[in-house]
PDB file of all heavy atoms in Angstrom:
ATOM      1  N   HIS A   1     -13.221   6.465  -8.165  1.00  0.00           N
ATOM      2  CA  HIS A   1     -14.061   5.784  -9.146  1.00  0.00           C
ATOM      3  C   HIS A   1     -13.341   4.554  -9.696  1.00  0.00           C
ATOM      4  O   HIS A   1     -12.218   4.236  -9.307  1.00  0.00           O
ATOM      5  CB  HIS A   1     -14.424   6.738 -10.288  1.00  0.00           C
ATOM      6  CG  HIS A   1     -13.250   7.335 -11.006  1.00  0.00           C
ATOM      7  ND1 HIS A   1     -12.694   6.783 -12.126  1.00  0.00           N
ATOM      8  CD2 HIS A   1     -12.505   8.450 -10.743  1.00  0.00           C
ATOM      9  CE1 HIS A   1     -11.686   7.504 -12.538  1.00  0.00           C
ATOM     10  NE2 HIS A   1     -11.541   8.528 -11.718  1.00  0.00           N
ATOM     11  N   SER A   2     -14.010   3.851 -10.620  1.00  0.00           N
ATOM     12  CA  SER A   2     -13.470   2.689 -11.340  1.00  0.00           C
ATOM     13  C   SER A   2     -13.004   1.567 -10.415  1.00  0.00           C
ATOM     14  O   SER A   2     -11.845   1.149 -10.475  1.00  0.00           O
ATOM     15  CB  SER A   2     -12.312   3.122 -12.256  1.00  0.00           C
ATOM     16  OG  SER A   2     -12.716   4.128 -13.143  1.00  0.00           O
ATOM     17  N   PRO A   3     -13.866   1.027  -9.561  1.00  0.00           N
ATOM     18  CA  PRO A   3     -13.434  -0.039  -8.645  1.00  0.00           C
ATOM     19  C   PRO A   3     -13.296  -1.390  -9.338  1.00  0.00           C
ATOM     20  O   PRO A   3     -13.968  -1.683 -10.329  1.00  0.00           O
ATOM     21  CB  PRO A   3     -14.559  -0.069  -7.607  1.00  0.00           C
ATOM     22  CG  PRO A   3     -15.771   0.338  -8.391  1.00  0.00           C
ATOM     23  CD  PRO A   3     -15.287   1.381  -9.365  1.00  0.00           C
ATOM     24  N   SER A   4     -12.418  -2.222  -8.788  1.00  0.00           N
ATOM     25  CA  SER A   4     -12.264  -3.619  -9.196  1.00  0.00           C
ATOM     26  C   SER A   4     -11.910  -4.421  -7.957  1.00  0.00           C
ATOM     27  O   SER A   4     -11.134  -3.960  -7.115  1.00  0.00           O
ATOM     28  CB  SER A   4     -11.175  -3.757 -10.259  1.00  0.00           C
ATOM     29  OG  SER A   4     -11.018  -5.104 -10.663  1.00  0.00           O
ATOM     30  N   VAL A   5     -12.483  -5.619  -7.807  1.00  0.00           N
ATOM     31  CA  VAL A   5     -12.296  -6.432  -6.609  1.00  0.00           C
ATOM     32  C   VAL A   5     -11.308  -7.559  -6.910  1.00  0.00           C
ATOM     33  O   VAL A   5     -11.389  -8.218  -7.952  1.00  0.00           O
ATOM     34  CB  VAL A   5     -13.634  -7.015  -6.121  1.00  0.00           C
ATOM     35  CG1 VAL A   5     -13.440  -7.757  -4.799  1.00  0.00           C
ATOM     36  CG2 VAL A   5     -14.668  -5.907  -5.956  1.00  0.00           C
ATOM     37  N   SER A   6     -10.383  -7.800  -5.983  1.00  0.00           N
ATOM     38  CA  SER A   6      -9.368  -8.829  -6.156  1.00  0.00           C
ATOM     39  C   SER A   6      -9.993 -10.224  -6.177  1.00  0.00           C
ATOM     40  O   SER A   6     -11.085 -10.433  -5.637  1.00  0.00           O
ATOM     41  CB  SER A   6      -8.326  -8.748  -5.037  1.00  0.00           C
ATOM     42  OG  SER A   6      -8.930  -8.998  -3.775  1.00  0.00           O
ATOM     43  N   PRO A   7      -9.311 -11.205  -6.783  1.00  0.00           N
ATOM     44  CA  PRO A   7      -9.871 -12.567  -6.872  1.00  0.00           C
ATOM     45  C   PRO A   7     -10.155 -13.210  -5.522  1.00  0.00           C
ATOM     46  O   PRO A   7     -11.055 -14.048  -5.412  1.00  0.00           O
ATOM     47  CB  PRO A   7      -8.789 -13.343  -7.632  1.00  0.00           C
ATOM     48  CG  PRO A   7      -8.038 -12.312  -8.391  1.00  0.00           C
ATOM     49  CD  PRO A   7      -8.062 -11.083  -7.537  1.00  0.00           C
ATOM     50  N   ASP A   8      -9.399 -12.831  -4.474  1.00  0.00           N
ATOM     51  CA  ASP A   8      -9.653 -13.405  -3.148  1.00  0.00           C
ATOM     52  C   ASP A   8     -10.738 -12.661  -2.384  1.00  0.00           C
ATOM     53  O   ASP A   8     -11.092 -13.034  -1.258  1.00  0.00           O
ATOM     54  CB  ASP A   8      -8.368 -13.472  -2.329  1.00  0.00           C
ATOM     55  CG  ASP A   8      -7.755 -12.092  -2.072  1.00  0.00           C
ATOM     56  OD1 ASP A   8      -8.414 -11.064  -2.358  1.00  0.00           O
ATOM     57  OD2 ASP A   8      -6.610 -12.036  -1.592  1.00  0.00           O
ATOM     58  N   GLY A   9     -11.287 -11.582  -2.981  1.00  0.00           N
ATOM     59  CA  GLY A   9     -12.379 -10.854  -2.365  1.00  0.00           C
ATOM     60  C   GLY A   9     -11.989  -9.993  -1.182  1.00  0.00           C
ATOM     61  O   GLY A   9     -12.859  -9.503  -0.456  1.00  0.00           O
ATOM     62  N   ARG A  10     -10.714  -9.753  -0.976  1.00  0.00           N
ATOM     63  CA  ARG A  10     -10.271  -9.019   0.202  1.00  0.00           C
ATOM     64  C   ARG A  10      -9.912  -7.568  -0.094  1.00  0.00           C
ATOM     65  O   ARG A  10      -9.842  -6.746   0.818  1.00  0.00           O
ATOM     66  CB  ARG A  10      -9.050  -9.718   0.815  1.00  0.00           C
ATOM     67  CG  ARG A  10      -9.326 -11.153   1.262  1.00  0.00           C
ATOM     68  CD  ARG A  10      -8.056 -11.878   1.658  1.00  0.00           C
ATOM     69  NE  ARG A  10      -7.375 -11.201   2.757  1.00  0.00           N
ATOM     70  CZ  ARG A  10      -6.193 -11.587   3.233  1.00  0.00           C
ATOM     71  NH1 ARG A  10      -5.562 -12.631   2.695  1.00  0.00           N
ATOM     72  NH2 ARG A  10      -5.638 -10.935   4.237  1.00  0.00           N
ATOM     73  N   THR A  11      -9.678  -7.223  -1.374  1.00  0.00           N
ATOM     74  CA  THR A  11      -9.129  -5.916  -1.718  1.00  0.00           C
ATOM     75  C   THR A  11      -9.904  -5.283  -2.867  1.00  0.00           C
ATOM     76  O   THR A  11     -10.345  -5.973  -3.781  1.00  0.00           O
ATOM     77  CB  THR A  11      -7.647  -6.055  -2.122  1.00  0.00           C
ATOM     78  OG1 THR A  11      -6.929  -6.710  -1.076  1.00  0.00           O
ATOM     79  CG2 THR A  11      -7.025  -4.691  -2.377  1.00  0.00           C
ATOM     80  N   ILE A  12     -10.048  -3.972  -2.803  1.00  0.00           N
ATOM     81  CA  ILE A  12     -10.623  -3.181  -3.878  1.00  0.00           C
ATOM     82  C   ILE A  12      -9.554  -2.228  -4.389  1.00  0.00           C
ATOM     83  O   ILE A  12      -8.904  -1.541  -3.593  1.00  0.00           O
ATOM     84  CB  ILE A  12     -11.843  -2.371  -3.409  1.00  0.00           C
ATOM     85  CG1 ILE A  12     -12.945  -3.300  -2.904  1.00  0.00           C
ATOM     86  CG2 ILE A  12     -12.373  -1.481  -4.526  1.00  0.00           C
ATOM     87  CD1 ILE A  12     -14.089  -2.554  -2.216  1.00  0.00           C
ATOM     88  N   VAL A  13      -9.354  -2.187  -5.693  1.00  0.00           N
ATOM     89  CA  VAL A  13      -8.525  -1.146  -6.287  1.00  0.00           C
ATOM     90  C   VAL A  13      -9.445  -0.134  -6.959  1.00  0.00           C
ATOM     91  O   VAL A  13     -10.543  -0.485  -7.411  1.00  0.00           O
ATOM     92  CB  VAL A  13      -7.501  -1.697  -7.296  1.00  0.00           C
ATOM     93  CG1 VAL A  13      -6.421  -2.486  -6.602  1.00  0.00           C
ATOM     94  CG2 VAL A  13      -8.185  -2.516  -8.374  1.00  0.00           C
ATOM     95  N   PHE A  14      -8.996   1.092  -7.035  1.00  0.00           N
ATOM     96  CA  PHE A  14      -9.805   2.143  -7.633  1.00  0.00           C
ATOM     97  C   PHE A  14      -8.900   3.296  -8.045  1.00  0.00           C
ATOM     98  O   PHE A  14      -7.707   3.327  -7.724  1.00  0.00           O
ATOM     99  CB  PHE A  14     -10.892   2.623  -6.651  1.00  0.00           C
ATOM    100  CG  PHE A  14     -10.366   3.195  -5.358  1.00  0.00           C
ATOM    101  CD1 PHE A  14     -10.294   4.570  -5.160  1.00  0.00           C
ATOM    102  CD2 PHE A  14      -9.960   2.361  -4.323  1.00  0.00           C
ATOM    103  CE1 PHE A  14      -9.821   5.096  -3.963  1.00  0.00           C
ATOM    104  CE2 PHE A  14      -9.480   2.874  -3.120  1.00  0.00           C
ATOM    105  CZ  PHE A  14      -9.413   4.248  -2.946  1.00  0.00           C
ATOM    106  N   VAL A  15      -9.475   4.247  -8.756  1.00  0.00           N
ATOM    107  CA  VAL A  15      -8.754   5.442  -9.197  1.00  0.00           C
ATOM    108  C   VAL A  15      -9.158   6.613  -8.331  1.00  0.00           C
ATOM    109  O   VAL A  15     -10.344   6.783  -8.007  1.00  0.00           O
ATOM    110  CB  VAL A  15      -9.052   5.753 -10.681  1.00  0.00           C
ATOM    111  CG1 VAL A  15      -8.379   7.054 -11.107  1.00  0.00           C
ATOM    112  CG2 VAL A  15      -8.591   4.611 -11.565  1.00  0.00           C
ATOM    113  N   SER A  16      -8.178   7.412  -7.940  1.00  0.00           N
ATOM    114  CA  SER A  16      -8.463   8.617  -7.170  1.00  0.00           C
ATOM    115  C   SER A  16      -7.453   9.698  -7.540  1.00  0.00           C
ATOM    116  O   SER A  16      -6.294   9.401  -7.853  1.00  0.00           O
ATOM    117  CB  SER A  16      -8.390   8.337  -5.659  1.00  0.00           C
ATOM    118  OG  SER A  16      -8.661   9.511  -4.918  1.00  0.00           O
ATOM    119  N   ALA A  17      -7.905  10.949  -7.494  1.00  0.00           N
ATOM    120  CA  ALA A  17      -7.027  12.100  -7.724  1.00  0.00           C
ATOM    121  C   ALA A  17      -6.846  12.883  -6.431  1.00  0.00           C
ATOM    122  O   ALA A  17      -6.577  14.088  -6.462  1.00  0.00           O
ATOM    123  CB  ALA A  17      -7.597  12.988  -8.826  1.00  0.00           C
ATOM    124  N   ARG A  18      -6.968  12.221  -5.300  1.00  0.00           N
ATOM    125  CA  ARG A  18      -6.881  12.897  -4.004  1.00  0.00           C
ATOM    126  C   ARG A  18      -5.523  13.535  -3.751  1.00  0.00           C
ATOM    127  O   ARG A  18      -5.408  14.477  -2.956  1.00  0.00           O
ATOM    128  CB  ARG A  18      -7.216  11.913  -2.890  1.00  0.00           C
ATOM    129  CG  ARG A  18      -6.250  10.737  -2.771  1.00  0.00           C
ATOM    130  CD  ARG A  18      -6.681   9.750  -1.702  1.00  0.00           C
ATOM    131  NE  ARG A  18      -7.946   9.090  -2.028  1.00  0.00           N
ATOM    132  CZ  ARG A  18      -8.543   8.213  -1.233  1.00  0.00           C
ATOM    133  NH1 ARG A  18      -7.989   7.889  -0.072  1.00  0.00           N
ATOM    134  NH2 ARG A  18      -9.677   7.649  -1.591  1.00  0.00           N
ATOM    135  N   ASP A  19      -4.478  13.050  -4.418  1.00  0.00           N
ATOM    136  CA  ASP A  19      -3.143  13.609  -4.253  1.00  0.00           C
ATOM    137  C   ASP A  19      -2.695  14.422  -5.461  1.00  0.00           C
ATOM    138  O   ASP A  19      -1.513  14.738  -5.598  1.00  0.00           O
ATOM    139  CB  ASP A  19      -2.117  12.502  -3.983  1.00  0.00           C
ATOM    140  CG  ASP A  19      -2.329  11.859  -2.622  1.00  0.00           C
ATOM    141  OD1 ASP A  19      -2.802  12.549  -1.705  1.00  0.00           O
ATOM    142  OD2 ASP A  19      -2.046  10.653  -2.487  1.00  0.00           O
ATOM    143  N   GLY A  20      -3.623  14.747  -6.347  1.00  0.00           N
ATOM    144  CA  GLY A  20      -3.282  15.568  -7.497  1.00  0.00           C
ATOM    145  C   GLY A  20      -3.576  14.886  -8.818  1.00  0.00           C
ATOM    146  O   GLY A  20      -4.546  15.226  -9.492  1.00  0.00           O
ATOM    147  N   ASN A  21      -2.762  13.909  -9.202  1.00  0.00           N
ATOM    148  CA  ASN A  21      -2.987  13.216 -10.476  1.00  0.00           C
ATOM    149  C   ASN A  21      -3.815  11.948 -10.254  1.00  0.00           C
ATOM    150  O   ASN A  21      -3.933  11.448  -9.134  1.00  0.00           O
ATOM    151  CB  ASN A  21      -1.656  12.845 -11.131  1.00  0.00           C
ATOM    152  CG  ASN A  21      -0.885  11.821 -10.314  1.00  0.00           C
ATOM    153  OD1 ASN A  21      -0.646  12.035  -9.135  1.00  0.00           O
ATOM    154  ND2 ASN A  21      -0.486  10.733 -10.937  1.00  0.00           N
ATOM    155  N   HIS A  22      -4.382  11.432 -11.329  1.00  0.00           N
ATOM    156  CA  HIS A  22      -5.176  10.206 -11.246  1.00  0.00           C
ATOM    157  C   HIS A  22      -4.241   9.013 -11.095  1.00  0.00           C
ATOM    158  O   HIS A  22      -3.469   8.695 -12.004  1.00  0.00           O
ATOM    159  CB  HIS A  22      -6.044  10.038 -12.495  1.00  0.00           C
ATOM    160  CG  HIS A  22      -7.203  10.980 -12.547  1.00  0.00           C
ATOM    161  ND1 HIS A  22      -7.059  12.329 -12.826  1.00  0.00           N
ATOM    162  CD2 HIS A  22      -8.534  10.783 -12.341  1.00  0.00           C
ATOM    163  CE1 HIS A  22      -8.240  12.906 -12.810  1.00  0.00           C
ATOM    164  NE2 HIS A  22      -9.150  12.003 -12.511  1.00  0.00           N
ATOM    165  N   ALA A  23      -4.320   8.350  -9.958  1.00  0.00           N
ATOM    166  CA  ALA A  23      -3.451   7.225  -9.641  1.00  0.00           C
ATOM    167  C   ALA A  23      -4.286   6.057  -9.128  1.00  0.00           C
ATOM    168  O   ALA A  23      -5.483   6.193  -8.842  1.00  0.00           O
ATOM    169  CB  ALA A  23      -2.400   7.627  -8.610  1.00  0.00           C
ATOM    170  N   ILE A  24      -3.655   4.879  -9.008  1.00  0.00           N
ATOM    171  CA  ILE A  24      -4.328   3.682  -8.541  1.00  0.00           C
ATOM    172  C   ILE A  24      -4.170   3.575  -7.026  1.00  0.00           C
ATOM    173  O   ILE A  24      -3.065   3.674  -6.494  1.00  0.00           O
ATOM    174  CB  ILE A  24      -3.752   2.418  -9.205  1.00  0.00           C
ATOM    175  CG1 ILE A  24      -3.701   2.590 -10.732  1.00  0.00           C
ATOM    176  CG2 ILE A  24      -4.590   1.208  -8.832  1.00  0.00           C
ATOM    177  CD1 ILE A  24      -5.027   2.841 -11.386  1.00  0.00           C
ATOM    178  N   TYR A  25      -5.279   3.358  -6.344  1.00  0.00           N
ATOM    179  CA  TYR A  25      -5.299   3.188  -4.889  1.00  0.00           C
ATOM    180  C   TYR A  25      -5.891   1.828  -4.553  1.00  0.00           C
ATOM    181  O   TYR A  25      -6.543   1.194  -5.383  1.00  0.00           O
ATOM    182  CB  TYR A  25      -6.130   4.292  -4.221  1.00  0.00           C
ATOM    183  CG  TYR A  25      -5.456   5.643  -4.199  1.00  0.00           C
ATOM    184  CD1 TYR A  25      -5.345   6.406  -5.351  1.00  0.00           C
ATOM    185  CD2 TYR A  25      -4.920   6.155  -3.016  1.00  0.00           C
ATOM    186  CE1 TYR A  25      -4.720   7.643  -5.344  1.00  0.00           C
ATOM    187  CE2 TYR A  25      -4.298   7.396  -2.997  1.00  0.00           C
ATOM    188  CZ  TYR A  25      -4.202   8.128  -4.153  1.00  0.00           C
ATOM    189  OH  TYR A  25      -3.567   9.346  -4.138  1.00  0.00           O
ATOM    190  N   THR A  26      -5.667   1.404  -3.323  1.00  0.00           N
ATOM    191  CA  THR A  26      -6.220   0.138  -2.859  1.00  0.00           C
ATOM    192  C   THR A  26      -6.797   0.304  -1.462  1.00  0.00           C
ATOM    193  O   THR A  26      -6.402   1.213  -0.714  1.00  0.00           O
ATOM    194  CB  THR A  26      -5.139  -0.967  -2.853  1.00  0.00           C
ATOM    195  OG1 THR A  26      -5.718  -2.204  -2.451  1.00  0.00           O
ATOM    196  CG2 THR A  26      -4.018  -0.623  -1.900  1.00  0.00           C
ATOM    197  N   MET A  27      -7.747  -0.536  -1.107  1.00  0.00           N
ATOM    198  CA  MET A  27      -8.318  -0.548   0.237  1.00  0.00           C
ATOM    199  C   MET A  27      -8.884  -1.929   0.506  1.00  0.00           C
ATOM    200  O   MET A  27      -9.097  -2.732  -0.414  1.00  0.00           O
ATOM    201  CB  MET A  27      -9.417   0.517   0.380  1.00  0.00           C
ATOM    202  CG  MET A  27     -10.604   0.348  -0.540  1.00  0.00           C
ATOM    203  SD  MET A  27     -11.835   1.672  -0.326  1.00  0.00           S
ATOM    204  CE  MET A  27     -12.911   1.396  -1.738  1.00  0.00           C
ATOM    205  N   ASN A  28      -9.134  -2.206   1.770  1.00  0.00           N
ATOM    206  CA  ASN A  28      -9.797  -3.451   2.142  1.00  0.00           C
ATOM    207  C   ASN A  28     -11.253  -3.413   1.681  1.00  0.00           C
ATOM    208  O   ASN A  28     -11.800  -2.352   1.378  1.00  0.00           O
ATOM    209  CB  ASN A  28      -9.724  -3.680   3.645  1.00  0.00           C
ATOM    210  CG  ASN A  28      -8.296  -3.883   4.129  1.00  0.00           C
ATOM    211  OD1 ASN A  28      -7.405  -4.209   3.348  1.00  0.00           O
ATOM    212  ND2 ASN A  28      -8.079  -3.675   5.423  1.00  0.00           N
ATOM    213  N   LEU A  29     -11.898  -4.565   1.678  1.00  0.00           N
ATOM    214  CA  LEU A  29     -13.265  -4.646   1.185  1.00  0.00           C
ATOM    215  C   LEU A  29     -14.224  -3.784   1.999  1.00  0.00           C
ATOM    216  O   LEU A  29     -15.253  -3.337   1.477  1.00  0.00           O
ATOM    217  CB  LEU A  29     -13.732  -6.109   1.204  1.00  0.00           C
ATOM    218  CG  LEU A  29     -14.994  -6.438   0.411  1.00  0.00           C
ATOM    219  CD1 LEU A  29     -14.785  -6.179  -1.074  1.00  0.00           C
ATOM    220  CD2 LEU A  29     -15.416  -7.884   0.639  1.00  0.00           C
ATOM    221  N   ASP A  30     -13.896  -3.535   3.266  1.00  0.00           N
ATOM    222  CA  ASP A  30     -14.756  -2.706   4.106  1.00  0.00           C
ATOM    223  C   ASP A  30     -14.385  -1.229   4.048  1.00  0.00           C
ATOM    224  O   ASP A  30     -14.955  -0.415   4.783  1.00  0.00           O
ATOM    225  CB  ASP A  30     -14.720  -3.198   5.558  1.00  0.00           C
ATOM    226  CG  ASP A  30     -13.326  -3.124   6.171  1.00  0.00           C
ATOM    227  OD1 ASP A  30     -12.373  -2.675   5.493  1.00  0.00           O
ATOM    228  OD2 ASP A  30     -13.184  -3.520   7.345  1.00  0.00           O
ATOM    229  N   GLY A  31     -13.424  -0.853   3.200  1.00  0.00           N
ATOM    230  CA  GLY A  31     -13.020   0.541   3.062  1.00  0.00           C
ATOM    231  C   GLY A  31     -11.844   0.955   3.920  1.00  0.00           C
ATOM    232  O   GLY A  31     -11.356   2.078   3.805  1.00  0.00           O
ATOM    233  N   SER A  32     -11.355   0.083   4.771  1.00  0.00           N
ATOM    234  CA  SER A  32     -10.228   0.404   5.638  1.00  0.00           C
ATOM    235  C   SER A  32      -8.899   0.282   4.880  1.00  0.00           C
ATOM    236  O   SER A  32      -8.836  -0.300   3.801  1.00  0.00           O
ATOM    237  CB  SER A  32     -10.215  -0.512   6.862  1.00  0.00           C
ATOM    238  OG  SER A  32     -10.065  -1.867   6.470  1.00  0.00           O
ATOM    239  N   ASN A  33      -7.840   0.834   5.485  1.00  0.00           N
ATOM    240  CA  ASN A  33      -6.474   0.721   4.968  1.00  0.00           C
ATOM    241  C   ASN A  33      -6.356   1.248   3.534  1.00  0.00           C
ATOM    242  O   ASN A  33      -5.805   0.587   2.649  1.00  0.00           O
ATOM    243  CB  ASN A  33      -5.993  -0.734   5.040  1.00  0.00           C
ATOM    244  CG  ASN A  33      -4.496  -0.864   4.803  1.00  0.00           C
ATOM    245  OD1 ASN A  33      -3.722   0.061   5.074  1.00  0.00           O
ATOM    246  ND2 ASN A  33      -4.070  -2.001   4.282  1.00  0.00           N
ATOM    247  N   GLN A  34      -6.824   2.457   3.295  1.00  0.00           N
ATOM    248  CA  GLN A  34      -6.716   3.052   1.968  1.00  0.00           C
ATOM    249  C   GLN A  34      -5.300   3.602   1.775  1.00  0.00           C
ATOM    250  O   GLN A  34      -4.778   4.323   2.617  1.00  0.00           O
ATOM    251  CB  GLN A  34      -7.752   4.165   1.799  1.00  0.00           C
ATOM    252  CG  GLN A  34      -9.174   3.654   1.879  1.00  0.00           C
ATOM    253  CD  GLN A  34     -10.223   4.704   1.547  1.00  0.00           C
ATOM    254  OE1 GLN A  34      -9.938   5.691   0.861  1.00  0.00           O
ATOM    255  NE2 GLN A  34     -11.446   4.489   2.017  1.00  0.00           N
ATOM    256  N   ARG A  35      -4.695   3.253   0.639  1.00  0.00           N
ATOM    257  CA  ARG A  35      -3.330   3.703   0.368  1.00  0.00           C
ATOM    258  C   ARG A  35      -3.081   3.760  -1.133  1.00  0.00           C
ATOM    259  O   ARG A  35      -3.735   3.083  -1.923  1.00  0.00           O
ATOM    260  CB  ARG A  35      -2.322   2.763   1.016  1.00  0.00           C
ATOM    261  CG  ARG A  35      -2.428   1.308   0.591  1.00  0.00           C
ATOM    262  CD  ARG A  35      -1.553   0.399   1.402  1.00  0.00           C
ATOM    263  NE  ARG A  35      -1.713  -0.998   1.024  1.00  0.00           N
ATOM    264  CZ  ARG A  35      -1.011  -1.597   0.066  1.00  0.00           C
ATOM    265  NH1 ARG A  35      -0.093  -0.896  -0.603  1.00  0.00           N
ATOM    266  NH2 ARG A  35      -1.202  -2.863  -0.219  1.00  0.00           N
ATOM    267  N   LYS A  36      -2.108   4.574  -1.503  1.00  0.00           N
ATOM    268  CA  LYS A  36      -1.732   4.735  -2.901  1.00  0.00           C
ATOM    269  C   LYS A  36      -0.883   3.557  -3.343  1.00  0.00           C
ATOM    270  O   LYS A  36       0.060   3.161  -2.674  1.00  0.00           O
ATOM    271  CB  LYS A  36      -0.970   6.041  -3.077  1.00  0.00           C
ATOM    272  CG  LYS A  36      -0.807   6.504  -4.517  1.00  0.00           C
ATOM    273  CD  LYS A  36      -0.188   7.893  -4.550  1.00  0.00           C
ATOM    274  CE  LYS A  36      -0.104   8.425  -5.966  1.00  0.00           C
ATOM    275  NZ  LYS A  36       0.462   9.808  -5.993  1.00  0.00           N
ATOM    276  N   LEU A  37      -1.216   2.978  -4.508  1.00  0.00           N
ATOM    277  CA  LEU A  37      -0.537   1.781  -4.967  1.00  0.00           C
ATOM    278  C   LEU A  37       0.529   2.081  -6.017  1.00  0.00           C
ATOM    279  O   LEU A  37       1.535   1.385  -6.092  1.00  0.00           O
ATOM    280  CB  LEU A  37      -1.562   0.801  -5.548  1.00  0.00           C
ATOM    281  CG  LEU A  37      -1.141  -0.647  -5.754  1.00  0.00           C
ATOM    282  CD1 LEU A  37      -0.711  -1.286  -4.439  1.00  0.00           C
ATOM    283  CD2 LEU A  37      -2.288  -1.443  -6.373  1.00  0.00           C
ATOM    284  N   THR A  38       0.322   3.094  -6.840  1.00  0.00           N
ATOM    285  CA  THR A  38       1.278   3.444  -7.891  1.00  0.00           C
ATOM    286  C   THR A  38       1.883   4.809  -7.606  1.00  0.00           C
ATOM    287  O   THR A  38       1.272   5.643  -6.945  1.00  0.00           O
ATOM    288  CB  THR A  38       0.602   3.459  -9.273  1.00  0.00           C
ATOM    289  OG1 THR A  38      -0.511   4.366  -9.237  1.00  0.00           O
ATOM    290  CG2 THR A  38       0.093   2.070  -9.631  1.00  0.00           C
ATOM    291  N   ARG A  39       3.075   5.054  -8.152  1.00  0.00           N
ATOM    292  CA  ARG A  39       3.806   6.287  -7.842  1.00  0.00           C
ATOM    293  C   ARG A  39       4.168   7.094  -9.085  1.00  0.00           C
ATOM    294  O   ARG A  39       4.955   8.027  -8.991  1.00  0.00           O
ATOM    295  CB  ARG A  39       5.090   5.935  -7.076  1.00  0.00           C
ATOM    296  CG  ARG A  39       4.841   5.213  -5.753  1.00  0.00           C
ATOM    297  CD  ARG A  39       4.114   6.085  -4.761  1.00  0.00           C
ATOM    298  NE  ARG A  39       3.751   5.361  -3.552  1.00  0.00           N
ATOM    299  CZ  ARG A  39       3.077   5.917  -2.537  1.00  0.00           C
ATOM    300  NH1 ARG A  39       2.693   7.187  -2.615  1.00  0.00           N
ATOM    301  NH2 ARG A  39       2.775   5.188  -1.472  1.00  0.00           N
ATOM    302  N   SER A  40       3.623   6.757 -10.223  1.00  0.00           N
ATOM    303  CA  SER A  40       3.942   7.480 -11.443  1.00  0.00           C
ATOM    304  C   SER A  40       3.270   8.853 -11.447  1.00  0.00           C
ATOM    305  O   SER A  40       2.217   9.045 -10.836  1.00  0.00           O
ATOM    306  CB  SER A  40       3.472   6.678 -12.661  1.00  0.00           C
ATOM    307  OG  SER A  40       3.534   7.445 -13.832  1.00  0.00           O
TER     308      SER A  40
END
């Protein structure tokens, strides 16, 4: 949930609890290359 699009329009950041805690993730605009961005 909670998506935000980068100024260049290439990246979406969002919140996910897929690994346990609520952390920030990123992916390409088409949904590819999803990865965890923060490690706290």
